[in-house]
């Protein structure tokens, strides 16, 4: 370990033991969440506003439906 008042590069960042511990904690929590998500087949979230169409989208959807009916 260097003396407390030794010259250091300004580009180096000091990382405390607690910061390293927190990074490891966050990484382990993220890994656990990703593993849980992969293991479960949960339903995808559907927003209530997904069914709302703008006037232009309504017109395009009706044209598309007409094309499907024609065939």
N, C-alpha and C. Protein backbone atom coordinates (compact mmCIF):
# COMPACT_ATOMS: atom_id res chain seq x y z
N UNK A 1 0.85 -1.18 0.00
CA UNK A 1 0.00 0.00 0.00
C UNK A 1 0.89 1.23 0.00
N UNK A 2 0.51 2.24 -0.77
CA UNK A 2 1.32 3.45 -0.86
C UNK A 2 1.01 4.38 0.31
N UNK A 3 1.94 5.27 0.60
CA UNK A 3 1.71 6.23 1.68
C UNK A 3 0.49 7.12 1.37
N UNK A 4 -0.18 7.64 2.37
CA UNK A 4 -1.41 8.40 2.16
C UNK A 4 -1.24 9.65 1.30
N UNK A 5 -0.08 10.29 1.35
CA UNK A 5 0.11 11.54 0.61
C UNK A 5 0.93 11.34 -0.65
N UNK A 6 1.02 10.13 -1.15
CA UNK A 6 1.79 9.85 -2.36
C UNK A 6 1.07 10.39 -3.58
N UNK A 7 1.85 10.74 -4.62
CA UNK A 7 1.25 11.22 -5.86
C UNK A 7 0.53 10.07 -6.54
N UNK A 8 -0.66 10.39 -7.06
CA UNK A 8 -1.45 9.38 -7.78
C UNK A 8 -1.93 9.97 -9.09
N UNK A 9 -2.17 9.10 -10.02
CA UNK A 9 -2.71 9.53 -11.30
C UNK A 9 -4.13 10.04 -11.08
N UNK A 10 -4.49 11.13 -11.76
CA UNK A 10 -5.85 11.67 -11.61
C UNK A 10 -6.87 10.83 -12.36
N UNK A 11 -6.41 9.94 -13.22
CA UNK A 11 -7.33 9.09 -13.98
C UNK A 11 -7.79 7.86 -13.21
N UNK A 12 -7.10 7.57 -12.12
CA UNK A 12 -7.47 6.39 -11.33
C UNK A 12 -8.64 6.73 -10.42
N UNK A 13 -9.56 5.79 -10.31
CA UNK A 13 -10.68 5.97 -9.41
C UNK A 13 -10.50 5.03 -8.23
N UNK A 14 -10.72 5.58 -7.06
CA UNK A 14 -10.62 4.76 -5.87
C UNK A 14 -11.95 4.07 -5.66
N UNK A 15 -11.89 2.82 -5.38
CA UNK A 15 -13.11 2.06 -5.15
C UNK A 15 -13.03 1.45 -3.77
N UNK A 16 -13.99 1.78 -2.94
CA UNK A 16 -13.97 1.27 -1.58
C UNK A 16 -14.51 -0.15 -1.55
N UNK A 17 -14.29 -0.79 -0.45
CA UNK A 17 -14.75 -2.16 -0.29
C UNK A 17 -16.27 -2.22 -0.34
N UNK A 18 -16.95 -1.23 0.24
CA UNK A 18 -18.42 -1.25 0.24
C UNK A 18 -18.95 -1.05 -1.17
N UNK A 19 -18.30 -0.24 -1.98
CA UNK A 19 -18.75 -0.03 -3.36
C UNK A 19 -18.62 -1.33 -4.15
N UNK A 20 -17.52 -2.04 -3.96
CA UNK A 20 -17.35 -3.32 -4.64
C UNK A 20 -18.40 -4.32 -4.17
N UNK A 21 -18.70 -4.30 -2.87
CA UNK A 21 -19.71 -5.19 -2.33
C UNK A 21 -21.09 -4.88 -2.89
N UNK A 22 -21.40 -3.60 -3.06
CA UNK A 22 -22.69 -3.21 -3.62
C UNK A 22 -22.78 -3.63 -5.09
N UNK A 23 -21.69 -3.47 -5.83
CA UNK A 23 -21.70 -3.88 -7.24
C UNK A 23 -21.95 -5.38 -7.34
N UNK A 24 -21.31 -6.15 -6.47
CA UNK A 24 -21.52 -7.59 -6.48
C UNK A 24 -22.95 -7.93 -6.10
N UNK A 25 -23.51 -7.20 -5.15
CA UNK A 25 -24.89 -7.43 -4.72
C UNK A 25 -25.85 -7.14 -5.87
N UNK A 26 -25.65 -6.00 -6.55
CA UNK A 26 -26.52 -5.65 -7.67
C UNK A 26 -26.41 -6.67 -8.80
N UNK A 27 -25.19 -7.12 -9.06
CA UNK A 27 -25.00 -8.11 -10.12
C UNK A 27 -25.69 -9.41 -9.77
N UNK A 28 -25.59 -9.83 -8.53
CA UNK A 28 -26.23 -11.09 -8.14
C UNK A 28 -27.75 -10.96 -8.18
N UNK A 29 -28.28 -9.80 -7.78
CA UNK A 29 -29.73 -9.60 -7.85
C UNK A 29 -30.21 -9.61 -9.30
N UNK A 30 -29.47 -8.96 -10.19
CA UNK A 30 -29.84 -8.94 -11.60
C UNK A 30 -29.79 -10.34 -12.18
N UNK A 31 -28.74 -11.09 -11.86
CA UNK A 31 -28.64 -12.46 -12.35
C UNK A 31 -29.81 -13.30 -11.87
N UNK A 32 -30.20 -13.11 -10.62
CA UNK A 32 -31.31 -13.87 -10.06
C UNK A 32 -32.62 -13.50 -10.76
N UNK A 33 -32.84 -12.20 -11.01
CA UNK A 33 -34.06 -11.77 -11.69
C UNK A 33 -34.11 -12.31 -13.11
N UNK A 34 -33.00 -12.29 -13.82
CA UNK A 34 -32.97 -12.82 -15.18
C UNK A 34 -33.22 -14.32 -15.19
N UNK A 35 -32.68 -15.03 -14.22
CA UNK A 35 -32.90 -16.47 -14.13
C UNK A 35 -34.37 -16.76 -13.84
N UNK A 36 -34.99 -15.97 -12.95
CA UNK A 36 -36.40 -16.15 -12.64
C UNK A 36 -37.26 -15.88 -13.87
N UNK A 37 -36.92 -14.85 -14.61
CA UNK A 37 -37.70 -14.49 -15.79
C UNK A 37 -37.61 -15.59 -16.85
N UNK A 38 -36.42 -16.17 -17.00
CA UNK A 38 -36.23 -17.23 -17.99
C UNK A 38 -36.96 -18.50 -17.57
N UNK A 39 -37.02 -18.76 -16.28
CA UNK A 39 -37.64 -19.97 -15.79
C UNK A 39 -39.15 -19.94 -15.84
N UNK A 40 -39.73 -18.78 -15.72
CA UNK A 40 -41.18 -18.65 -15.70
C UNK A 40 -41.70 -18.21 -17.06
N UNK A 41 -42.84 -18.72 -17.43
CA UNK A 41 -43.47 -18.26 -18.66
C UNK A 41 -44.59 -17.30 -18.28
N UNK A 42 -44.22 -16.12 -17.89
CA UNK A 42 -45.21 -15.14 -17.46
C UNK A 42 -45.86 -14.49 -18.68
N UNK A 43 -47.09 -14.04 -18.47
CA UNK A 43 -47.80 -13.40 -19.56
C UNK A 43 -47.17 -12.04 -19.84
N UNK A 44 -47.09 -11.67 -21.10
CA UNK A 44 -46.53 -10.34 -21.40
C UNK A 44 -47.50 -9.25 -20.96
N UNK A 45 -46.95 -8.12 -20.60
CA UNK A 45 -47.77 -7.00 -20.14
C UNK A 45 -48.49 -6.39 -21.34
N UNK A 46 -49.78 -6.17 -21.18
CA UNK A 46 -50.57 -5.52 -22.22
C UNK A 46 -51.09 -4.22 -21.65
N UNK A 47 -50.71 -3.14 -22.26
CA UNK A 47 -51.13 -1.82 -21.80
C UNK A 47 -52.59 -1.60 -22.13
N UNK A 48 -53.34 -0.92 -21.25
CA UNK A 48 -54.74 -0.63 -21.54
C UNK A 48 -54.92 0.26 -22.77
N UNK A 49 -53.92 1.04 -23.08
CA UNK A 49 -54.04 1.95 -24.22
C UNK A 49 -53.67 1.29 -25.54
N UNK A 50 -53.29 0.01 -25.52
CA UNK A 50 -52.93 -0.67 -26.76
C UNK A 50 -54.11 -0.79 -27.72
N UNK A 51 -55.32 -0.88 -27.18
CA UNK A 51 -56.50 -1.04 -28.02
C UNK A 51 -56.95 0.29 -28.65
N UNK A 52 -56.44 1.40 -28.16
CA UNK A 52 -56.84 2.70 -28.68
C UNK A 52 -56.08 2.98 -29.96
N UNK A 53 -56.79 3.28 -31.04
CA UNK A 53 -56.17 3.57 -32.32
C UNK A 53 -56.41 5.02 -32.69
N UNK A 54 -55.44 5.60 -33.33
CA UNK A 54 -55.62 6.94 -33.87
C UNK A 54 -56.52 6.84 -35.10
N UNK A 55 -57.11 7.95 -35.55
CA UNK A 55 -57.95 7.89 -36.74
C UNK A 55 -57.23 7.31 -37.96
N UNK A 56 -55.97 7.65 -38.13
CA UNK A 56 -55.21 7.12 -39.26
C UNK A 56 -55.02 5.61 -39.11
N UNK A 57 -54.72 5.15 -37.90
CA UNK A 57 -54.54 3.72 -37.66
C UNK A 57 -55.86 2.97 -37.86
N UNK A 58 -56.97 3.58 -37.46
CA UNK A 58 -58.27 2.95 -37.66
C UNK A 58 -58.55 2.78 -39.15
N UNK A 59 -58.24 3.80 -39.93
CA UNK A 59 -58.48 3.73 -41.37
C UNK A 59 -57.62 2.64 -42.01
N UNK A 60 -56.35 2.58 -41.62
CA UNK A 60 -55.46 1.55 -42.16
C UNK A 60 -55.91 0.15 -41.75
N UNK A 61 -56.36 0.00 -40.51
CA UNK A 61 -56.82 -1.29 -40.04
C UNK A 61 -58.07 -1.73 -40.80
N UNK A 62 -58.97 -0.78 -41.08
CA UNK A 62 -60.18 -1.14 -41.82
C UNK A 62 -59.85 -1.52 -43.27
N UNK A 63 -58.90 -0.81 -43.89
CA UNK A 63 -58.48 -1.16 -45.25
C UNK A 63 -57.84 -2.56 -45.27
N UNK A 64 -57.02 -2.84 -44.27
CA UNK A 64 -56.39 -4.15 -44.18
C UNK A 64 -57.43 -5.25 -44.00
N UNK A 65 -58.45 -4.98 -43.16
CA UNK A 65 -59.49 -5.97 -42.94
C UNK A 65 -60.29 -6.21 -44.22
N UNK A 66 -60.56 -5.16 -44.99
CA UNK A 66 -61.27 -5.31 -46.26
C UNK A 66 -60.49 -6.18 -47.25
N UNK A 67 -59.17 -5.99 -47.28
CA UNK A 67 -58.33 -6.80 -48.16
C UNK A 67 -58.37 -8.27 -47.75
N UNK A 68 -58.38 -8.52 -46.47
CA UNK A 68 -58.43 -9.90 -45.97
C UNK A 68 -59.76 -10.53 -46.34
N UNK A 69 -60.87 -9.77 -46.22
CA UNK A 69 -62.19 -10.29 -46.52
C UNK A 69 -62.32 -10.59 -48.01
N UNK A 70 -61.72 -9.76 -48.87
CA UNK A 70 -61.79 -9.97 -50.32
C UNK A 70 -61.15 -11.29 -50.71
N UNK A 71 -60.10 -11.67 -50.05
CA UNK A 71 -59.38 -12.89 -50.43
C UNK A 71 -60.06 -14.05 -49.85
